[in-house]
Amino acid sequence: MHLINLYSFSIVLFCIGLYITLASEDNTKKLFGLGLFQNSVLWFYIALGKVGGGIPPVLSDSTQQAFSNPLPHVLMLTAIVVGVAIIAIGFILVIRINSKYKKL
């Protein structure tokens, strides 16, 4: 996928997630919007780490080529794990709140 398309995709996903989070009344939909919002930021940072024509930074004979930066990808793996845990806890809280107030 071309980098411009990846940036455009992350911006569109960002706007959709922000709209769902702010416009919906249901807590489950708000968590879904937050998930989209988080994924858009992850896509954006992963796109920032990609260098056009770059190769992975491993030992090679070529010193003339550009290298892709692996740090954003590693940081986003950590962010994915933390994000999944937060969304899971959020869904548990929504289920408990809905069952307490008889909305479920």
C-alpha atoms as a PDB file:
ATOM      1  CA  MET A   1       0.000   0.000   0.000  1.00  0.00           C
ATOM      2  CA  HIS A   2       1.346   3.419  -0.903  1.00  0.00           C
ATOM      3  CA  LEU A   3       2.254   5.700   2.011  1.00  0.00           C
ATOM      4  CA  ILE A   4      -0.160   8.461   0.973  1.00  0.00           C
ATOM      5  CA  ASN A   5      -2.988   5.923   0.983  1.00  0.00           C
ATOM      6  CA  LEU A   6      -1.897   4.726   4.418  1.00  0.00           C
ATOM      7  CA  TYR A   7      -1.927   8.273   5.786  1.00  0.00           C
ATOM      8  CA  SER A   8      -5.343   8.912   4.221  1.00  0.00           C
ATOM      9  CA  PHE A   9      -6.663   5.642   5.641  1.00  0.00           C
ATOM     10  CA  SER A  10      -5.469   6.535   9.134  1.00  0.00           C
ATOM     11  CA  ILE A  11      -7.015  10.029   8.925  1.00  0.00           C
ATOM     12  CA  VAL A  12     -10.380   8.643   7.775  1.00  0.00           C
ATOM     13  CA  LEU A  13     -10.301   5.976  10.495  1.00  0.00           C
ATOM     14  CA  PHE A  14      -9.386   8.674  13.044  1.00  0.00           C
ATOM     15  CA  CYS A  15     -12.377  10.815  12.040  1.00  0.00           C
ATOM     16  CA  ILE A  16     -14.797   7.867  12.085  1.00  0.00           C
ATOM     17  CA  GLY A  17     -13.600   6.726  15.512  1.00  0.00           C
ATOM     18  CA  LEU A  18     -13.774  10.245  16.923  1.00  0.00           C
ATOM     19  CA  TYR A  19     -17.292  10.737  15.544  1.00  0.00           C
ATOM     20  CA  ILE A  20     -18.555   7.433  16.951  1.00  0.00           C
ATOM     21  CA  THR A  21     -17.002   8.192  20.336  1.00  0.00           C
ATOM     22  CA  LEU A  22     -18.479  11.669  20.611  1.00  0.00           C
ATOM     23  CA  ALA A  23     -21.872  11.143  18.930  1.00  0.00           C
ATOM     24  CA  SER A  24     -23.111   7.883  20.409  1.00  0.00           C
ATOM     25  CA  GLU A  25     -25.014   7.496  23.655  1.00  0.00           C
ATOM     26  CA  ASP A  26     -24.333   3.770  24.073  1.00  0.00           C
ATOM     27  CA  ASN A  27     -21.186   2.895  26.036  1.00  0.00           C
ATOM     28  CA  THR A  28     -20.482  -0.152  23.872  1.00  0.00           C
ATOM     29  CA  LYS A  29     -20.471   2.013  20.752  1.00  0.00           C
ATOM     30  CA  LYS A  30     -18.211   4.502  22.505  1.00  0.00           C
ATOM     31  CA  LEU A  31     -15.704   1.716  23.235  1.00  0.00           C
ATOM     32  CA  PHE A  32     -15.896   0.602  19.604  1.00  0.00           C
ATOM     33  CA  GLY A  33     -15.176   4.186  18.530  1.00  0.00           C
ATOM     34  CA  LEU A  34     -12.226   4.354  20.910  1.00  0.00           C
ATOM     35  CA  GLY A  35     -10.895   1.135  19.393  1.00  0.00           C
ATOM     36  CA  LEU A  36     -11.080   2.629  15.900  1.00  0.00           C
ATOM     37  CA  PHE A  37      -9.489   5.806  17.208  1.00  0.00           C
ATOM     38  CA  GLN A  38      -6.596   3.824  18.688  1.00  0.00           C
ATOM     39  CA  ASN A  39      -6.124   1.759  15.540  1.00  0.00           C
ATOM     40  CA  SER A  40      -5.901   4.909  13.422  1.00  0.00           C
ATOM     41  CA  VAL A  41      -3.048   6.202  15.589  1.00  0.00           C
ATOM     42  CA  LEU A  42      -1.287   2.831  15.325  1.00  0.00           C
ATOM     43  CA  TRP A  43      -1.595   2.831  11.524  1.00  0.00           C
ATOM     44  CA  PHE A  44      -0.251   6.384  11.397  1.00  0.00           C
ATOM     45  CA  TYR A  45       2.842   5.599  13.474  1.00  0.00           C
ATOM     46  CA  ILE A  46       3.530   2.423  11.534  1.00  0.00           C
ATOM     47  CA  ALA A  47       3.341   4.436   8.301  1.00  0.00           C
ATOM     48  CA  LEU A  48       5.819   6.952   9.750  1.00  0.00           C
ATOM     49  CA  GLY A  49       8.377   4.189  10.291  1.00  0.00           C
ATOM     50  CA  LYS A  50       8.279   3.072   6.654  1.00  0.00           C
ATOM     51  CA  VAL A  51      10.938   4.508   4.372  1.00  0.00           C
ATOM     52  CA  GLY A  52      10.298   4.298   0.631  1.00  0.00           C
ATOM     53  CA  GLY A  53      12.768   1.811  -0.846  1.00  0.00           C
ATOM     54  CA  GLY A  54      14.178   1.117   2.601  1.00  0.00           C
ATOM     55  CA  ILE A  55      15.429  -2.254   3.705  1.00  0.00           C
ATOM     56  CA  PRO A  56      15.337  -3.818   7.182  1.00  0.00           C
ATOM     57  CA  PRO A  57      18.263  -2.694   9.362  1.00  0.00           C
ATOM     58  CA  VAL A  58      20.149  -5.974   9.437  1.00  0.00           C
ATOM     59  CA  LEU A  59      23.789  -6.654   8.704  1.00  0.00           C
ATOM     60  CA  SER A  60      24.432  -6.480   4.987  1.00  0.00           C
ATOM     61  CA  ASP A  61      27.156  -5.510   2.551  1.00  0.00           C
ATOM     62  CA  SER A  62      25.228  -2.529   1.227  1.00  0.00           C
ATOM     63  CA  THR A  63      25.847   0.780   2.998  1.00  0.00           C
ATOM     64  CA  GLN A  64      24.252   2.912   0.285  1.00  0.00           C
ATOM     65  CA  GLN A  65      20.617   2.010   0.851  1.00  0.00           C
ATOM     66  CA  ALA A  66      18.193   3.661   3.256  1.00  0.00           C
ATOM     67  CA  PHE A  67      17.016   1.700   6.242  1.00  0.00           C
ATOM     68  CA  SER A  68      13.503   1.537   7.654  1.00  0.00           C
ATOM     69  CA  ASN A  69      13.214   2.535  11.286  1.00  0.00           C
ATOM     70  CA  PRO A  70      12.074  -0.465  13.388  1.00  0.00           C
ATOM     71  CA  LEU A  71      11.382   1.522  16.556  1.00  0.00           C
ATOM     72  CA  PRO A  72       7.821   2.680  15.673  1.00  0.00           C
ATOM     73  CA  HIS A  73       6.839  -0.891  14.832  1.00  0.00           C
ATOM     74  CA  VAL A  74       8.155  -2.219  18.139  1.00  0.00           C
ATOM     75  CA  LEU A  75       6.436   0.540  20.114  1.00  0.00           C
ATOM     76  CA  MET A  76       3.149  -0.099  18.312  1.00  0.00           C
ATOM     77  CA  LEU A  77       3.277  -3.799  19.237  1.00  0.00           C
ATOM     78  CA  THR A  78       3.389  -2.722  22.870  1.00  0.00           C
ATOM     79  CA  ALA A  79       0.562  -0.234  22.282  1.00  0.00           C
ATOM     80  CA  ILE A  80      -1.579  -2.956  20.670  1.00  0.00           C
ATOM     81  CA  VAL A  81      -1.235  -5.204  23.731  1.00  0.00           C
ATOM     82  CA  VAL A  82      -2.041  -2.366  26.130  1.00  0.00           C
ATOM     83  CA  GLY A  83      -4.965  -1.220  23.961  1.00  0.00           C
ATOM     84  CA  VAL A  84      -6.515  -4.676  23.817  1.00  0.00           C
ATOM     85  CA  ALA A  85      -6.289  -4.975  27.601  1.00  0.00           C
ATOM     86  CA  ILE A  86      -7.884  -1.549  28.120  1.00  0.00           C
ATOM     87  CA  ILE A  87     -10.726  -2.285  25.678  1.00  0.00           C
ATOM     88  CA  ALA A  88     -11.349  -5.646  27.378  1.00  0.00           C
ATOM     89  CA  ILE A  89     -11.543  -4.010  30.806  1.00  0.00           C
ATOM     90  CA  GLY A  90     -13.786  -1.321  29.328  1.00  0.00           C
ATOM     91  CA  PHE A  91     -16.198  -3.932  27.983  1.00  0.00           C
ATOM     92  CA  ILE A  92     -16.243  -5.669  31.369  1.00  0.00           C
ATOM     93  CA  LEU A  93     -17.119  -2.361  33.034  1.00  0.00           C
ATOM     94  CA  VAL A  94     -19.852  -1.645  30.479  1.00  0.00           C
ATOM     95  CA  ILE A  95     -21.394  -5.069  31.043  1.00  0.00           C
ATOM     96  CA  ARG A  96     -21.311  -4.562  34.829  1.00  0.00           C
ATOM     97  CA  ILE A  97     -22.810  -1.061  34.583  1.00  0.00           C
ATOM     98  CA  ASN A  98     -25.552  -2.226  32.214  1.00  0.00           C
ATOM     99  CA  SER A  99     -26.433  -5.192  34.426  1.00  0.00           C
ATOM    100  CA  LYS A 100     -26.487  -3.009  37.540  1.00  0.00           C
ATOM    101  CA  TYR A 101     -28.856  -0.493  35.991  1.00  0.00           C
ATOM    102  CA  LYS A 102     -30.927  -3.117  34.109  1.00  0.00           C
ATOM    103  CA  LYS A 103     -29.992  -1.883  30.637  1.00  0.00           C
ATOM    104  CA  LEU A 104     -28.751  -5.258  29.439  1.00  0.00           C
END
